[in-house]
Amino acid sequence: MYEKSCEHLTESAAPEAITEGCEECLKIGQTPVELRICRVCGHVGCCDSTPGQHATAHYHDSGHATMQSFEPGADWGWCYEHKKGIGPFPPAR
């Protein structure tokens, strides 16, 4: 079950993606499992099932607390601060 929002949700829609794949995986030639987009800056990172866990690493590095799935048709997001699902959102792509 998603919560509609949280205090960390600052954008009504995810910003435009900076890349079409996980930025860090693309740099090192790693294959991501599933993609997440930062709802603050548009950074695309891989999920925690990928060895790099780059979406979560982006949160720890940037403090940007909210992301959403960047998988086609997915409508859910996550708040790292509250450790809860948020949404539904219009799909990011």
Foldseek 3Di string as FASTA:
>chain_A
DAAADDPLQDDQAADAAPDLAQPVCVVVVHDADFWKAQSPPRHIHGPPVGVVRVVVVCCVVPVRFKIATQDPPQQWIAGNVVGGIHDRHGHND
